[in-house]
């Protein structure tokens, strides 16, 4: 049984360094794009939270209850996983920048896989965001309907109070009339 000898490939270190630096710069660009998107989404979330706080204060709904319902709906983990992945890639990038003389710790294939995974995560987050936007719209519609119903009930209650006052006055007048008749 013949044994196979491993083939030895001699590579030019300068060429490897150039490809690695190109791969790193591409990763760096993509990381900056993802960070930018992340910051935009964070700003949008902050804006929506402010609007929700104002609306909940006006309508008497607890903001914490609203946040809890939304948090349960999106299961909150997708964003945390993406943030952790970005932090991991950033630390790997920083390590390679600091250790220019050392061998690069990940290959272009690995970087491509990481990019593909991050793109999938971003897609998932966009779906979650769309779902949350739909749920928020539904919550606002429900809140609008309930506010309308509360207004109707308050108007009806006011009518009953006016009717009650009229009946009390009528009863009091009848009572005074009976008292006068009994004295006469």
C-alpha atoms as a PDB file:
ATOM      1  CA  UNK A   1       0.000   0.000   0.000  1.00  0.00           C
ATOM      2  CA  UNK A   2       1.715   3.191  -1.137  1.00  0.00           C
ATOM      3  CA  UNK A   3       1.725   6.096   1.260  1.00  0.00           C
ATOM      4  CA  UNK A   4       0.947   9.558   0.070  1.00  0.00           C
ATOM      5  CA  UNK A   5       3.341  12.266   0.974  1.00  0.00           C
ATOM      6  CA  UNK A   6       1.878  15.633   1.758  1.00  0.00           C
ATOM      7  CA  UNK A   7       2.602  18.183  -0.884  1.00  0.00           C
ATOM      8  CA  UNK A   8       4.585  21.191   0.220  1.00  0.00           C
ATOM      9  CA  UNK A   9       3.549  24.539  -1.150  1.00  0.00           C
ATOM     10  CA  UNK A  10       5.934  27.415  -0.812  1.00  0.00           C
ATOM     11  CA  UNK A  11       4.150  30.748  -0.817  1.00  0.00           C
ATOM     12  CA  UNK A  12       5.522  34.195  -1.130  1.00  0.00           C
ATOM     13  CA  UNK A  13       5.046  35.921   2.262  1.00  0.00           C
ATOM     14  CA  UNK A  14       4.705  39.351   0.681  1.00  0.00           C
ATOM     15  CA  UNK A  15       1.862  38.152  -1.529  1.00  0.00           C
ATOM     16  CA  UNK A  16       0.135  36.586   1.503  1.00  0.00           C
ATOM     17  CA  UNK A  17       0.506  39.808   3.469  1.00  0.00           C
ATOM     18  CA  UNK A  18      -1.047  41.816   0.618  1.00  0.00           C
ATOM     19  CA  UNK A  19      -4.036  39.481   0.319  1.00  0.00           C
ATOM     20  CA  UNK A  20      -4.520  39.467   4.080  1.00  0.00           C
ATOM     21  CA  UNK A  21      -4.404  43.262   4.259  1.00  0.00           C
ATOM     22  CA  UNK A  22      -6.919  43.509   1.404  1.00  0.00           C
ATOM     23  CA  UNK A  23      -9.155  41.041   3.210  1.00  0.00           C
ATOM     24  CA  UNK A  24      -8.825  43.012   6.422  1.00  0.00           C
ATOM     25  CA  UNK A  25      -9.548  46.339   4.757  1.00  0.00           C
ATOM     26  CA  UNK A  26     -12.630  44.830   3.113  1.00  0.00           C
ATOM     27  CA  UNK A  27     -13.737  43.436   6.478  1.00  0.00           C
ATOM     28  CA  UNK A  28     -13.078  46.803   8.073  1.00  0.00           C
ATOM     29  CA  UNK A  29     -15.239  48.555   5.459  1.00  0.00           C
ATOM     30  CA  UNK A  30     -18.041  46.074   5.900  1.00  0.00           C
ATOM     31  CA  UNK A  31     -17.786  46.346   9.679  1.00  0.00           C
ATOM     32  CA  UNK A  32     -18.083  50.142   9.442  1.00  0.00           C
ATOM     33  CA  UNK A  33     -21.156  49.794   7.203  1.00  0.00           C
ATOM     34  CA  UNK A  34     -22.766  47.391   9.675  1.00  0.00           C
ATOM     35  CA  UNK A  35     -21.892  49.678  12.583  1.00  0.00           C
ATOM     36  CA  UNK A  36     -23.466  52.597  10.739  1.00  0.00           C
ATOM     37  CA  UNK A  37     -26.645  50.608  10.163  1.00  0.00           C
ATOM     38  CA  UNK A  38     -26.601  49.577  13.801  1.00  0.00           C
ATOM     39  CA  UNK A  39     -26.325  53.197  14.939  1.00  0.00           C
ATOM     40  CA  UNK A  40     -29.181  54.197  12.624  1.00  0.00           C
ATOM     41  CA  UNK A  41     -31.359  51.426  14.012  1.00  0.00           C
ATOM     42  CA  UNK A  42     -30.473  52.420  17.581  1.00  0.00           C
ATOM     43  CA  UNK A  43     -31.465  56.024  16.823  1.00  0.00           C
ATOM     44  CA  UNK A  44     -34.749  54.828  15.312  1.00  0.00           C
ATOM     45  CA  UNK A  45     -35.435  52.680  18.374  1.00  0.00           C
ATOM     46  CA  UNK A  46     -34.705  55.622  20.710  1.00  0.00           C
ATOM     47  CA  UNK A  47     -37.044  57.828  18.668  1.00  0.00           C
ATOM     48  CA  UNK A  48     -39.815  55.236  18.782  1.00  0.00           C
ATOM     49  CA  UNK A  49     -39.330  54.764  22.534  1.00  0.00           C
ATOM     50  CA  UNK A  50     -39.710  58.510  23.074  1.00  0.00           C
ATOM     51  CA  UNK A  51     -42.886  58.565  20.998  1.00  0.00           C
ATOM     52  CA  UNK A  52     -44.235  55.539  22.883  1.00  0.00           C
ATOM     53  CA  UNK A  53     -43.470  57.185  26.226  1.00  0.00           C
ATOM     54  CA  UNK A  54     -45.340  60.338  25.218  1.00  0.00           C
ATOM     55  CA  UNK A  55     -48.327  58.365  23.923  1.00  0.00           C
ATOM     56  CA  UNK A  56     -48.447  56.046  26.915  1.00  0.00           C
ATOM     57  CA  UNK A  57     -48.277  59.008  29.296  1.00  0.00           C
ATOM     58  CA  UNK A  58     -51.181  60.626  27.437  1.00  0.00           C
ATOM     59  CA  UNK A  59     -53.281  57.467  27.322  1.00  0.00           C
ATOM     60  CA  UNK A  60     -52.465  56.105  30.789  1.00  0.00           C
ATOM     61  CA  UNK A  61     -50.866  52.885  29.492  1.00  0.00           C
ATOM     62  CA  UNK A  62     -47.697  51.820  31.268  1.00  0.00           C
ATOM     63  CA  UNK A  63     -44.597  52.162  29.104  1.00  0.00           C
ATOM     64  CA  UNK A  64     -43.056  49.186  30.873  1.00  0.00           C
ATOM     65  CA  UNK A  65     -46.059  47.038  29.974  1.00  0.00           C
ATOM     66  CA  UNK A  66     -45.772  48.153  26.344  1.00  0.00           C
ATOM     67  CA  UNK A  67     -42.005  47.494  26.288  1.00  0.00           C
ATOM     68  CA  UNK A  68     -42.500  44.115  27.898  1.00  0.00           C
ATOM     69  CA  UNK A  69     -45.037  43.094  25.276  1.00  0.00           C
ATOM     70  CA  UNK A  70     -42.791  44.270  22.447  1.00  0.00           C
ATOM     71  CA  UNK A  71     -39.728  42.634  23.975  1.00  0.00           C
ATOM     72  CA  UNK A  72     -41.522  39.308  24.307  1.00  0.00           C
ATOM     73  CA  UNK A  73     -42.642  39.578  20.703  1.00  0.00           C
ATOM     74  CA  UNK A  74     -39.174  40.006  19.238  1.00  0.00           C
ATOM     75  CA  UNK A  75     -37.434  37.804  21.793  1.00  0.00           C
ATOM     76  CA  UNK A  76     -34.633  40.335  22.038  1.00  0.00           C
ATOM     77  CA  UNK A  77     -31.839  37.888  21.348  1.00  0.00           C
ATOM     78  CA  UNK A  78     -31.201  38.604  17.681  1.00  0.00           C
ATOM     79  CA  UNK A  79     -29.810  42.070  18.324  1.00  0.00           C
ATOM     80  CA  UNK A  80     -27.593  40.846  21.167  1.00  0.00           C
ATOM     81  CA  UNK A  81     -26.166  38.063  19.020  1.00  0.00           C
ATOM     82  CA  UNK A  82     -25.361  40.491  16.218  1.00  0.00           C
ATOM     83  CA  UNK A  83     -23.714  42.894  18.663  1.00  0.00           C
ATOM     84  CA  UNK A  84     -21.608  40.069  20.104  1.00  0.00           C
ATOM     85  CA  UNK A  85     -20.577  38.959  16.612  1.00  0.00           C
ATOM     86  CA  UNK A  86     -19.564  42.525  15.698  1.00  0.00           C
ATOM     87  CA  UNK A  87     -17.557  42.812  18.928  1.00  0.00           C
ATOM     88  CA  UNK A  88     -15.803  39.514  18.169  1.00  0.00           C
ATOM     89  CA  UNK A  89     -14.899  40.613  14.656  1.00  0.00           C
ATOM     90  CA  UNK A  90     -13.768  44.008  15.921  1.00  0.00           C
ATOM     91  CA  UNK A  91     -11.487  42.397  18.500  1.00  0.00           C
ATOM     92  CA  UNK A  92     -10.071  40.056  15.847  1.00  0.00           C
ATOM     93  CA  UNK A  93      -9.463  43.036  13.584  1.00  0.00           C
ATOM     94  CA  UNK A  94      -7.774  44.976  16.393  1.00  0.00           C
ATOM     95  CA  UNK A  95      -5.571  41.983  17.216  1.00  0.00           C
ATOM     96  CA  UNK A  96      -4.424  41.667  13.622  1.00  0.00           C
ATOM     97  CA  UNK A  97      -3.740  45.400  13.372  1.00  0.00           C
ATOM     98  CA  UNK A  98      -1.663  45.317  16.559  1.00  0.00           C
ATOM     99  CA  UNK A  99       0.263  42.250  15.470  1.00  0.00           C
ATOM    100  CA  UNK A 100       1.222  43.162  11.903  1.00  0.00           C
ATOM    101  CA  UNK A 101       4.273  40.939  12.065  1.00  0.00           C
ATOM    102  CA  UNK A 102       2.316  37.918  13.284  1.00  0.00           C
ATOM    103  CA  UNK A 103       0.506  35.497  11.050  1.00  0.00           C
ATOM    104  CA  UNK A 104      -3.105  36.482  10.335  1.00  0.00           C
ATOM    105  CA  UNK A 105      -5.515  34.487  12.477  1.00  0.00           C
ATOM    106  CA  UNK A 106      -8.302  33.995   9.987  1.00  0.00           C
ATOM    107  CA  UNK A 107      -8.531  33.337   6.282  1.00  0.00           C
ATOM    108  CA  UNK A 108     -10.480  35.083   3.541  1.00  0.00           C
ATOM    109  CA  UNK A 109     -12.874  32.132   3.470  1.00  0.00           C
ATOM    110  CA  UNK A 110     -13.544  32.523   7.176  1.00  0.00           C
ATOM    111  CA  UNK A 111     -14.068  36.254   6.699  1.00  0.00           C
ATOM    112  CA  UNK A 112     -16.470  35.604   3.809  1.00  0.00           C
ATOM    113  CA  UNK A 113     -18.433  33.186   5.983  1.00  0.00           C
ATOM    114  CA  UNK A 114     -18.550  35.721   8.797  1.00  0.00           C
ATOM    115  CA  UNK A 115     -19.772  38.393   6.398  1.00  0.00           C
ATOM    116  CA  UNK A 116     -22.452  36.061   5.065  1.00  0.00           C
ATOM    117  CA  UNK A 117     -23.524  35.243   8.628  1.00  0.00           C
ATOM    118  CA  UNK A 118     -23.674  38.928   9.517  1.00  0.00           C
ATOM    119  CA  UNK A 119     -25.739  39.649   6.410  1.00  0.00           C
ATOM    120  CA  UNK A 120     -28.148  36.906   7.473  1.00  0.00           C
ATOM    121  CA  UNK A 121     -28.336  38.396  10.954  1.00  0.00           C
ATOM    122  CA  UNK A 122     -29.040  41.837   9.523  1.00  0.00           C
ATOM    123  CA  UNK A 123     -31.799  40.319   7.381  1.00  0.00           C
ATOM    124  CA  UNK A 124     -33.268  38.627  10.440  1.00  0.00           C
ATOM    125  CA  UNK A 125     -33.160  41.890  12.373  1.00  0.00           C
ATOM    126  CA  UNK A 126     -34.868  43.706   9.516  1.00  0.00           C
ATOM    127  CA  UNK A 127     -37.642  41.093   9.591  1.00  0.00           C
ATOM    128  CA  UNK A 128     -37.957  41.473  13.364  1.00  0.00           C
ATOM    129  CA  UNK A 129     -38.048  45.252  12.981  1.00  0.00           C
ATOM    130  CA  UNK A 130     -40.797  45.007  10.357  1.00  0.00           C
ATOM    131  CA  UNK A 131     -42.747  42.653  12.585  1.00  0.00           C
ATOM    132  CA  UNK A 132     -42.355  45.043  15.513  1.00  0.00           C
ATOM    133  CA  UNK A 133     -43.469  47.973  13.386  1.00  0.00           C
ATOM    134  CA  UNK A 134     -46.604  46.021  12.444  1.00  0.00           C
ATOM    135  CA  UNK A 135     -47.256  45.146  16.071  1.00  0.00           C
ATOM    136  CA  UNK A 136     -46.759  48.765  17.130  1.00  0.00           C
ATOM    137  CA  UNK A 137     -49.241  49.860  14.448  1.00  0.00           C
ATOM    138  CA  UNK A 138     -51.729  47.285  15.707  1.00  0.00           C
ATOM    139  CA  UNK A 139     -51.197  48.451  19.293  1.00  0.00           C
ATOM    140  CA  UNK A 140     -51.769  52.062  18.282  1.00  0.00           C
ATOM    141  CA  UNK A 141     -54.956  51.110  16.437  1.00  0.00           C
ATOM    142  CA  UNK A 142     -56.165  49.156  19.454  1.00  0.00           C
ATOM    143  CA  UNK A 143     -55.290  52.077  21.696  1.00  0.00           C
ATOM    144  CA  UNK A 144     -57.179  54.465  19.411  1.00  0.00           C
ATOM    145  CA  UNK A 145     -60.279  52.251  19.500  1.00  0.00           C
ATOM    146  CA  UNK A 146     -60.110  51.919  23.275  1.00  0.00           C
ATOM    147  CA  UNK A 147     -59.647  55.670  23.667  1.00  0.00           C
ATOM    148  CA  UNK A 148     -62.708  56.214  21.494  1.00  0.00           C
ATOM    149  CA  UNK A 149     -64.675  53.772  23.644  1.00  0.00           C
ATOM    150  CA  UNK A 150     -63.502  55.507  26.840  1.00  0.00           C
ATOM    151  CA  UNK A 151     -64.656  58.840  25.412  1.00  0.00           C
ATOM    152  CA  UNK A 152     -68.061  57.342  24.605  1.00  0.00           C
ATOM    153  CA  UNK A 153     -68.367  55.894  28.100  1.00  0.00           C
ATOM    154  CA  UNK A 154     -67.361  59.204  29.689  1.00  0.00           C
ATOM    155  CA  UNK A 155     -69.990  61.044  27.638  1.00  0.00           C
ATOM    156  CA  UNK A 156     -72.600  58.468  28.614  1.00  0.00           C
ATOM    157  CA  UNK A 157     -71.551  58.761  32.268  1.00  0.00           C
ATOM    158  CA  UNK A 158     -71.898  62.545  32.092  1.00  0.00           C
ATOM    159  CA  UNK A 159     -75.417  62.143  30.671  1.00  0.00           C
ATOM    160  CA  UNK A 160     -76.342  59.812  33.533  1.00  0.00           C
ATOM    161  CA  UNK A 161     -74.958  62.291  36.064  1.00  0.00           C
ATOM    162  CA  UNK A 162     -77.065  65.087  34.553  1.00  0.00           C
ATOM    163  CA  UNK A 163     -80.139  62.809  34.574  1.00  0.00           C
ATOM    164  CA  UNK A 164     -79.399  61.803  38.172  1.00  0.00           C
ATOM    165  CA  UNK A 165     -79.169  65.477  39.206  1.00  0.00           C
ATOM    166  CA  UNK A 166     -82.482  66.225  37.468  1.00  0.00           C
ATOM    167  CA  UNK A 167     -84.174  63.302  39.188  1.00  0.00           C
ATOM    168  CA  UNK A 168     -82.796  64.338  42.592  1.00  0.00           C
ATOM    169  CA  UNK A 169     -84.103  67.853  42.092  1.00  0.00           C
ATOM    170  CA  UNK A 170     -87.487  66.520  40.957  1.00  0.00           C
ATOM    171  CA  UNK A 171     -87.602  64.128  43.949  1.00  0.00           C
ATOM    172  CA  UNK A 172     -86.674  66.936  46.324  1.00  0.00           C
ATOM    173  CA  UNK A 173     -89.366  69.180  44.835  1.00  0.00           C
ATOM    174  CA  UNK A 174     -91.970  66.399  45.188  1.00  0.00           C
ATOM    175  CA  UNK A 175     -90.890  65.747  48.748  1.00  0.00           C
ATOM    176  CA  UNK A 176     -91.214  69.447  49.645  1.00  0.00           C
ATOM    177  CA  UNK A 177     -94.659  69.515  48.023  1.00  0.00           C
ATOM    178  CA  UNK A 178     -95.792  66.531  50.105  1.00  0.00           C
ATOM    179  CA  UNK A 179     -94.451  68.135  53.255  1.00  0.00           C
ATOM    180  CA  UNK A 180     -96.391  71.360  52.491  1.00  0.00           C
ATOM    181  CA  UNK A 181     -99.558  69.384  51.733  1.00  0.00           C
ATOM    182  CA  UNK A 182     -99.243  67.423  54.963  1.00  0.00           C
ATOM    183  CA  UNK A 183     -98.869  70.686  56.949  1.00  0.00           C
ATOM    184  CA  UNK A 184    -101.894  72.196  55.335  1.00  0.00           C
END
